[in-house]
PDB file of N, CA and C in Angstrom:
ATOM      1  N   MET A   1     103.619 120.839  76.427  1.00  0.00           N
ATOM      2  CA  MET A   1     104.327 121.356  77.580  1.00  0.00           C
ATOM      3  C   MET A   1     104.428 120.250  78.627  1.00  0.00           C
ATOM      4  N   THR A   2     105.547 120.123  79.231  1.00  0.00           N
ATOM      5  CA  THR A   2     105.781 119.145  80.285  1.00  0.00           C
ATOM      6  C   THR A   2     106.016 119.881  81.589  1.00  0.00           C
ATOM      7  N   ALA A   3     105.299 119.447  82.619  1.00  0.00           N
ATOM      8  CA  ALA A   3     105.488 120.023  83.950  1.00  0.00           C
ATOM      9  C   ALA A   3     106.218 119.008  84.812  1.00  0.00           C
ATOM     10  N   HIS A   4     106.975 119.487  85.742  1.00  0.00           N
ATOM     11  CA  HIS A   4     107.690 118.617  86.668  1.00  0.00           C
ATOM     12  C   HIS A   4     107.096 118.804  88.050  1.00  0.00           C
ATOM     13  N   LEU A   5     106.949 117.694  88.749  1.00  0.00           N
ATOM     14  CA  LEU A   5     106.351 117.705  90.071  1.00  0.00           C
ATOM     15  C   LEU A   5     107.269 116.960  91.024  1.00  0.00           C
ATOM     16  N   THR A   6     107.496 117.516  92.166  1.00  0.00           N
ATOM     17  CA  THR A   6     108.324 116.869  93.167  1.00  0.00           C
ATOM     18  C   THR A   6     107.402 116.320  94.253  1.00  0.00           C
ATOM     19  N   ILE A   7     107.554 115.032  94.558  1.00  0.00           N
ATOM     20  CA  ILE A   7     106.738 114.421  95.611  1.00  0.00           C
ATOM     21  C   ILE A   7     107.644 113.766  96.647  1.00  0.00           C
ATOM     22  N   PRO A   8     107.244 113.808  97.899  1.00  0.00           N
ATOM     23  CA  PRO A   8     108.060 113.153  98.926  1.00  0.00           C
ATOM     24  C   PRO A   8     107.802 111.644  98.952  1.00  0.00           C
ATOM     25  N   LEU A   9     108.857 110.865  99.027  1.00  0.00           N
ATOM     26  CA  LEU A   9     108.776 109.419  99.201  1.00  0.00           C
ATOM     27  C   LEU A   9     109.673 109.046 100.359  1.00  0.00           C
ATOM     28  N   ASP A  10     109.179 108.131 101.200  1.00  0.00           N
ATOM     29  CA  ASP A  10     110.089 107.658 102.242  1.00  0.00           C
ATOM     30  C   ASP A  10     111.020 106.622 101.611  1.00  0.00           C
ATOM     31  N   ASP A  11     111.999 106.170 102.360  1.00  0.00           N
ATOM     32  CA  ASP A  11     113.001 105.252 101.816  1.00  0.00           C
ATOM     33  C   ASP A  11     112.378 103.957 101.305  1.00  0.00           C
ATOM     34  N   ALA A  12     111.390 103.440 102.024  1.00  0.00           N
ATOM     35  CA  ALA A  12     110.753 102.182 101.617  1.00  0.00           C
ATOM     36  C   ALA A  12     109.992 102.366 100.302  1.00  0.00           C
ATOM     37  N   GLN A  13     109.285 103.467 100.173  1.00  0.00           N
ATOM     38  CA  GLN A  13     108.551 103.730  98.928  1.00  0.00           C
ATOM     39  C   GLN A  13     109.513 103.883  97.750  1.00  0.00           C
ATOM     40  N   LYS A  14     110.596 104.615  97.985  1.00  0.00           N
ATOM     41  CA  LYS A  14     111.584 104.812  96.915  1.00  0.00           C
ATOM     42  C   LYS A  14     112.181 103.477  96.493  1.00  0.00           C
ATOM     43  N   ALA A  15     112.491 102.630  97.457  1.00  0.00           N
ATOM     44  CA  ALA A  15     113.066 101.321  97.148  1.00  0.00           C
ATOM     45  C   ALA A  15     112.067 100.457  96.377  1.00  0.00           C
ATOM     46  N   GLN A  16     110.800 100.487  96.787  1.00  0.00           N
ATOM     47  CA  GLN A  16     109.781  99.717  96.074  1.00  0.00           C
ATOM     48  C   GLN A  16     109.600 100.224  94.653  1.00  0.00           C
ATOM     49  N   LEU A  17     109.600 101.530  94.492  1.00  0.00           N
ATOM     50  CA  LEU A  17     109.475 102.121  93.158  1.00  0.00           C
ATOM     51  C   LEU A  17     110.648 101.705  92.282  1.00  0.00           C
ATOM     52  N   GLU A  18     111.839 101.724  92.822  1.00  0.00           N
ATOM     53  CA  GLU A  18     113.019 101.320  92.058  1.00  0.00           C
ATOM     54  C   GLU A  18     112.961  99.834  91.702  1.00  0.00           C
ATOM     55  N   THR A  19     112.428  99.012  92.591  1.00  0.00           N
ATOM     56  CA  THR A  19     112.264  97.582  92.308  1.00  0.00           C
ATOM     57  C   THR A  19     111.286  97.376  91.156  1.00  0.00           C
ATOM     58  N   ILE A  20     110.178  98.100  91.193  1.00  0.00           N
ATOM     59  CA  ILE A  20     109.186  98.010  90.113  1.00  0.00           C
ATOM     60  C   ILE A  20     109.812  98.440  88.795  1.00  0.00           C
ATOM     61  N   ALA A  21     110.513  99.554  88.822  1.00  0.00           N
ATOM     62  CA  ALA A  21     111.133 100.072  87.603  1.00  0.00           C
ATOM     63  C   ALA A  21     112.147  99.076  87.041  1.00  0.00           C
ATOM     64  N   GLU A  22     112.957  98.507  87.916  1.00  0.00           N
ATOM     65  CA  GLU A  22     113.958  97.530  87.466  1.00  0.00           C
ATOM     66  C   GLU A  22     113.274  96.309  86.853  1.00  0.00           C
ATOM     67  N   PHE A  23     112.233  95.823  87.506  1.00  0.00           N
ATOM     68  CA  PHE A  23     111.502  94.659  86.997  1.00  0.00           C
ATOM     69  C   PHE A  23     110.927  94.936  85.610  1.00  0.00           C
ATOM     70  N   ARG A  24     110.452  96.159  85.403  1.00  0.00           N
ATOM     71  CA  ARG A  24     109.852  96.539  84.117  1.00  0.00           C
ATOM     72  C   ARG A  24     110.889  97.024  83.102  1.00  0.00           C
ATOM     73  N   ASN A  25     112.125  97.091  83.540  1.00  0.00           N
ATOM     74  CA  ASN A  25     113.193  97.605  82.683  1.00  0.00           C
ATOM     75  C   ASN A  25     112.873  99.028  82.223  1.00  0.00           C
ATOM     76  N   GLU A  26     112.427  99.827  83.168  1.00  0.00           N
ATOM     77  CA  GLU A  26     112.083 101.221  82.916  1.00  0.00           C
ATOM     78  C   GLU A  26     112.711 102.078  83.997  1.00  0.00           C
ATOM     79  N   THR A  27     112.629 103.369  83.812  1.00  0.00           N
ATOM     80  CA  THR A  27     113.074 104.280  84.858  1.00  0.00           C
ATOM     81  C   THR A  27     111.957 104.458  85.879  1.00  0.00           C
ATOM     82  N   ALA A  28     112.346 104.891  87.067  1.00  0.00           N
ATOM     83  CA  ALA A  28     111.340 105.187  88.091  1.00  0.00           C
ATOM     84  C   ALA A  28     110.404 106.292  87.600  1.00  0.00           C
ATOM     85  N   GLU A  29     110.946 107.258  86.883  1.00  0.00           N
ATOM     86  CA  GLU A  29     110.134 108.351  86.347  1.00  0.00           C
ATOM     87  C   GLU A  29     109.077 107.828  85.382  1.00  0.00           C
ATOM     88  N   ALA A  30     109.451 106.855  84.533  1.00  0.00           N
ATOM     89  CA  ALA A  30     108.499 106.286  83.578  1.00  0.00           C
ATOM     90  C   ALA A  30     107.388 105.529  84.298  1.00  0.00           C
ATOM     91  N   VAL A  31     107.754 104.823  85.362  1.00  0.00           N
ATOM     92  CA  VAL A  31     106.754 104.083  86.142  1.00  0.00           C
ATOM     93  C   VAL A  31     105.774 105.047  86.794  1.00  0.00           C
ATOM     94  N   VAL A  32     106.292 106.116  87.387  1.00  0.00           N
ATOM     95  CA  VAL A  32     105.422 107.101  88.029  1.00  0.00           C
ATOM     96  C   VAL A  32     104.547 107.798  86.997  1.00  0.00           C
ATOM     97  N   SER A  33     105.118 108.131  85.856  1.00  0.00           N
ATOM     98  CA  SER A  33     104.345 108.782  84.792  1.00  0.00           C
ATOM     99  C   SER A  33     103.183 107.894  84.346  1.00  0.00           C
ATOM    100  N   GLN A  34     103.443 106.589  84.182  1.00  0.00           N
ATOM    101  CA  GLN A  34     102.390 105.663  83.785  1.00  0.00           C
ATOM    102  C   GLN A  34     101.327 105.553  84.877  1.00  0.00           C
ATOM    103  N   ALA A  35     101.769 105.532  86.131  1.00  0.00           N
ATOM    104  CA  ALA A  35     100.832 105.451  87.253  1.00  0.00           C
ATOM    105  C   ALA A  35      99.915 106.678  87.278  1.00  0.00           C
ATOM    106  N   VAL A  36     100.472 107.847  87.011  1.00  0.00           N
ATOM    107  CA  VAL A  36      99.670 109.073  86.972  1.00  0.00           C
ATOM    108  C   VAL A  36      98.681 109.008  85.812  1.00  0.00           C
ATOM    109  N   GLN A  37      99.140 108.555  84.649  1.00  0.00           N
ATOM    110  CA  GLN A  37      98.224 108.417  83.502  1.00  0.00           C
ATOM    111  C   GLN A  37      97.089 107.449  83.824  1.00  0.00           C
ATOM    112  N   ASP A  38      97.414 106.335  84.470  1.00  0.00           N
ATOM    113  CA  ASP A  38      96.396 105.352  84.850  1.00  0.00           C
ATOM    114  C   ASP A  38      95.404 105.950  85.847  1.00  0.00           C
ATOM    115  N   LEU A  39      95.908 106.712  86.814  1.00  0.00           N
ATOM    116  CA  LEU A  39      95.044 107.353  87.802  1.00  0.00           C
ATOM    117  C   LEU A  39      94.093 108.342  87.134  1.00  0.00           C
ATOM    118  N   ILE A  40      94.599 109.133  86.223  1.00  0.00           N
ATOM    119  CA  ILE A  40      93.765 110.107  85.515  1.00  0.00           C
ATOM    120  C   ILE A  40      92.695 109.396  84.703  1.00  0.00           C
ATOM    121  N   ALA A  41      93.072 108.333  83.997  1.00  0.00           N
ATOM    122  CA  ALA A  41      92.098 107.580  83.190  1.00  0.00           C
ATOM    123  C   ALA A  41      91.040 106.932  84.085  1.00  0.00           C
ATOM    124  N   TYR A  42      91.469 106.342  85.216  1.00  0.00           N
ATOM    125  CA  TYR A  42      90.520 105.720  86.130  1.00  0.00           C
ATOM    126  C   TYR A  42      89.570 106.758  86.712  1.00  0.00           C
ATOM    127  N   ASP A  43      90.110 107.899  87.119  1.00  0.00           N
ATOM    128  CA  ASP A  43      89.277 108.949  87.691  1.00  0.00           C
ATOM    129  C   ASP A  43      88.229 109.424  86.694  1.00  0.00           C
ATOM    130  N   GLN A  44      88.621 109.577  85.439  1.00  0.00           N
ATOM    131  CA  GLN A  44      87.676 109.999  84.409  1.00  0.00           C
ATOM    132  C   GLN A  44      86.590 108.941  84.230  1.00  0.00           C
ATOM    133  N   TRP A  45      86.998 107.661  84.134  1.00  0.00           N
ATOM    134  CA  TRP A  45      86.021 106.581  83.996  1.00  0.00           C
ATOM    135  C   TRP A  45      85.060 106.565  85.183  1.00  0.00           C
ATOM    136  N   PHE A  46      85.600 106.682  86.393  1.00  0.00           N
ATOM    137  CA  PHE A  46      84.783 106.630  87.610  1.00  0.00           C
ATOM    138  C   PHE A  46      83.771 107.771  87.628  1.00  0.00           C
ATOM    139  N   ARG A  47      84.228 108.987  87.332  1.00  0.00           N
ATOM    140  CA  ARG A  47      83.312 110.136  87.331  1.00  0.00           C
ATOM    141  C   ARG A  47      82.213 109.965  86.289  1.00  0.00           C
ATOM    142  N   GLU A  48      82.559 109.445  85.114  1.00  0.00           N
ATOM    143  CA  GLU A  48      81.550 109.214  84.082  1.00  0.00           C
ATOM    144  C   GLU A  48      80.564 108.133  84.512  1.00  0.00           C
ATOM    145  N   ALA A  49      81.048 107.075  85.171  1.00  0.00           N
ATOM    146  CA  ALA A  49      80.171 106.004  85.647  1.00  0.00           C
ATOM    147  C   ALA A  49      79.219 106.521  86.723  1.00  0.00           C
ATOM    148  N   VAL A  50      79.735 107.344  87.624  1.00  0.00           N
ATOM    149  CA  VAL A  50      78.875 107.929  88.659  1.00  0.00           C
ATOM    150  C   VAL A  50      77.819 108.814  88.009  1.00  0.00           C
ATOM    151  N   GLU A  51      78.220 109.636  87.071  1.00  0.00           N
ATOM    152  CA  GLU A  51      77.254 110.516  86.411  1.00  0.00           C
ATOM    153  C   GLU A  51      76.208 109.715  85.647  1.00  0.00           C
ATOM    154  N   LYS A  52      76.627 108.626  84.995  1.00  0.00           N
ATOM    155  CA  LYS A  52      75.661 107.765  84.298  1.00  0.00           C
ATOM    156  C   LYS A  52      74.671 107.184  85.298  1.00  0.00           C
ATOM    157  N   GLY A  53      75.163 106.739  86.453  1.00  0.00           N
ATOM    158  CA  GLY A  53      74.283 106.216  87.481  1.00  0.00           C
ATOM    159  C   GLY A  53      73.324 107.264  87.993  1.00  0.00           C
ATOM    160  N   ARG A  54      73.806 108.459  88.196  1.00  0.00           N
ATOM    161  CA  ARG A  54      72.934 109.547  88.651  1.00  0.00           C
ATOM    162  C   ARG A  54      71.878 109.864  87.597  1.00  0.00           C
ATOM    163  N   GLN A  55      72.292 109.839  86.341  1.00  0.00           N
ATOM    164  CA  GLN A  55      71.344 110.083  85.242  1.00  0.00           C
ATOM    165  C   GLN A  55      70.295 108.974  85.203  1.00  0.00           C
ATOM    166  N   ASP A  56      70.718 107.726  85.381  1.00  0.00           N
ATOM    167  CA  ASP A  56      69.777 106.606  85.414  1.00  0.00           C
ATOM    168  C   ASP A  56      68.750 106.798  86.526  1.00  0.00           C
ATOM    169  N   VAL A  57      69.205 107.230  87.697  1.00  0.00           N
ATOM    170  CA  VAL A  57      68.285 107.468  88.811  1.00  0.00           C
ATOM    171  C   VAL A  57      67.311 108.588  88.450  1.00  0.00           C
ATOM    172  N   ARG A  58      67.823 109.679  87.901  1.00  0.00           N
ATOM    173  CA  ARG A  58      66.951 110.805  87.521  1.00  0.00           C
ATOM    174  C   ARG A  58      65.897 110.377  86.510  1.00  0.00           C
ATOM    175  N   GLU A  59      66.265 109.439  85.623  1.00  0.00           N
ATOM    176  CA  GLU A  59      65.346 109.026  84.557  1.00  0.00           C
ATOM    177  C   GLU A  59      64.571 107.760  84.905  1.00  0.00           C
ATOM    178  N   GLY A  60      64.639 107.357  86.165  1.00  0.00           N
ATOM    179  CA  GLY A  60      63.830 106.234  86.627  1.00  0.00           C
ATOM    180  C   GLY A  60      64.341 104.856  86.245  1.00  0.00           C
ATOM    181  N   ARG A  61      65.610 104.754  85.874  1.00  0.00           N
ATOM    182  CA  ARG A  61      66.195 103.459  85.513  1.00  0.00           C
ATOM    183  C   ARG A  61      67.000 102.892  86.668  1.00  0.00           C
ATOM    184  N   ALA A  62      66.348 102.812  87.821  1.00  0.00           N
ATOM    185  CA  ALA A  62      67.020 102.279  89.005  1.00  0.00           C
ATOM    186  C   ALA A  62      66.007 101.484  89.817  1.00  0.00           C
ATOM    187  N   VAL A  63      66.500 100.523  90.553  1.00  0.00           N
ATOM    188  CA  VAL A  63      65.648  99.702  91.406  1.00  0.00           C
ATOM    189  C   VAL A  63      65.726 100.280  92.822  1.00  0.00           C
ATOM    190  N   PRO A  64      64.575 100.588  93.417  1.00  0.00           N
ATOM    191  CA  PRO A  64      64.598 101.127  94.779  1.00  0.00           C
ATOM    192  C   PRO A  64      65.245 100.153  95.767  1.00  0.00           C
ATOM    193  N   HIS A  65      65.852 100.701  96.793  1.00  0.00           N
ATOM    194  CA  HIS A  65      66.563  99.915  97.795  1.00  0.00           C
ATOM    195  C   HIS A  65      65.690  98.809  98.371  1.00  0.00           C
ATOM    196  N   GLU A  66      64.461  99.118  98.676  1.00  0.00           N
ATOM    197  CA  GLU A  66      63.566  98.136  99.288  1.00  0.00           C
ATOM    198  C   GLU A  66      63.368  96.932  98.369  1.00  0.00           C
ATOM    199  N   GLU A  67      63.277  97.175  97.067  1.00  0.00           N
ATOM    200  CA  GLU A  67      63.116  96.074  96.114  1.00  0.00           C
ATOM    201  C   GLU A  67      64.377  95.213  96.040  1.00  0.00           C
ATOM    202  N   VAL A  68      65.519  95.844  96.081  1.00  0.00           N
ATOM    203  CA  VAL A  68      66.789  95.103  96.047  1.00  0.00           C
ATOM    204  C   VAL A  68      66.888  94.205  97.275  1.00  0.00           C
ATOM    205  N   VAL A  69      66.543  94.745  98.438  1.00  0.00           N
ATOM    206  CA  VAL A  69      66.584  93.960  99.673  1.00  0.00           C
ATOM    207  C   VAL A  69      65.620  92.788  99.566  1.00  0.00           C
ATOM    208  N   ALA A  70      64.402  93.033  99.064  1.00  0.00           N
ATOM    209  CA  ALA A  70      63.411  91.957  98.929  1.00  0.00           C
ATOM    210  C   ALA A  70      63.894  90.887  97.951  1.00  0.00           C
ATOM    211  N   MET A  71      64.512  91.289  96.842  1.00  0.00           N
ATOM    212  CA  MET A  71      65.023  90.320  95.875  1.00  0.00           C
ATOM    213  C   MET A  71      66.148  89.483  96.483  1.00  0.00           C
ATOM    214  N   ALA A  72      67.039  90.122  97.236  1.00  0.00           N
ATOM    215  CA  ALA A  72      68.141  89.391  97.876  1.00  0.00           C
ATOM    216  C   ALA A  72      67.594  88.404  98.899  1.00  0.00           C
ATOM    217  N   LYS A  73      66.612  88.826  99.665  1.00  0.00           N
ATOM    218  CA  LYS A  73      66.014  87.937 100.655  1.00  0.00           C
ATOM    219  C   LYS A  73      65.339  86.750  99.980  1.00  0.00           C
ATOM    220  N   ALA A  74      64.634  86.994  98.889  1.00  0.00           N
ATOM    221  CA  ALA A  74      63.965  85.906  98.163  1.00  0.00           C
ATOM    222  C   ALA A  74      64.984  84.920  97.604  1.00  0.00           C
ATOM    223  N   ARG A  75      66.085  85.418  97.064  1.00  0.00           N
ATOM    224  CA  ARG A  75      67.135  84.521  96.552  1.00  0.00           C
ATOM    225  C   ARG A  75      67.734  83.676  97.662  1.00  0.00           C
ATOM    226  N   ARG A  76      67.999  84.324  98.802  1.00  0.00           N
ATOM    227  CA  ARG A  76      68.571  83.602  99.933  1.00  0.00           C
ATOM    228  C   ARG A  76      67.625  82.510 100.405  1.00  0.00           C
ATOM    229  N   LEU A  77      66.351  82.823 100.535  1.00  0.00           N
ATOM    230  CA  LEU A  77      65.370  81.836 100.976  1.00  0.00           C
ATOM    231  C   LEU A  77      65.257  80.685  99.979  1.00  0.00           C
ATOM    232  N   LYS A  78      65.326  81.011  98.688  1.00  0.00           N
ATOM    233  CA  LYS A  78      65.260  79.977  97.654  1.00  0.00           C
ATOM    234  C   LYS A  78      66.463  79.043  97.749  1.00  0.00           C
ATOM    235  N   ARG A  79      67.667  79.607  97.948  1.00  0.00           N
ATOM    236  CA  ARG A  79      68.882  78.791  98.100  1.00  0.00           C
ATOM    237  C   ARG A  79      68.788  77.915  99.345  1.00  0.00           C
ATOM    238  N   GLU A  80      68.325  78.526 100.415  1.00  0.00           N
ATOM    239  CA  GLU A  80      68.234  77.764 101.666  1.00  0.00           C
ATOM    240  C   GLU A  80      67.233  76.610 101.548  1.00  0.00           C
ATOM    241  N   SER A  81      66.118  76.847 100.880  1.00  0.00           N
ATOM    242  CA  SER A  81      65.125  75.783 100.756  1.00  0.00           C
ATOM    243  C   SER A  81      65.607  74.703  99.787  1.00  0.00           C
ATOM    244  N   ALA A  82      66.371  75.088  98.788  1.00  0.00           N
ATOM    245  CA  ALA A  82      66.903  74.121  97.829  1.00  0.00           C
ATOM    246  C   ALA A  82      67.978  73.251  98.466  1.00  0.00           C
ATOM    247  N   SER A  83      68.717  73.821  99.421  1.00  0.00           N
ATOM    248  CA  SER A  83      69.789  73.061 100.058  1.00  0.00           C
ATOM    249  C   SER A  83      69.299  72.307 101.293  1.00  0.00           C
ATOM    250  N   GLY A  84      68.075  72.568 101.698  1.00  0.00           N
ATOM    251  CA  GLY A  84      67.503  71.854 102.825  1.00  0.00           C
ATOM    252  C   GLY A  84      67.905  72.394 104.175  1.00  0.00           C
ATOM    253  N   THR A  85      68.461  73.604 104.197  1.00  0.00           N
ATOM    254  CA  THR A  85      68.856  74.178 105.494  1.00  0.00           C
ATOM    255  C   THR A  85      67.788  75.066 106.062  1.00  0.00           C
TER     256      THR A  85
END
């Protein structure tokens, strides 16, 4: 089943979309359809990555904030001492 969706575009957006479509030798509809598919795929990836991170935290596979700050400070001090500043 295919659904149709109407979205408002101002003149500048419509012109940019038409430029993209022309450059790709595609229709504006095809460009928008691909953009929607890309957005859906990215959103799915992002949600899965967030959930994996939350699971890692729940299972103790995360470095506490204080440790990260201490590691960053130690690296900075090491770089500064190596460069003589």
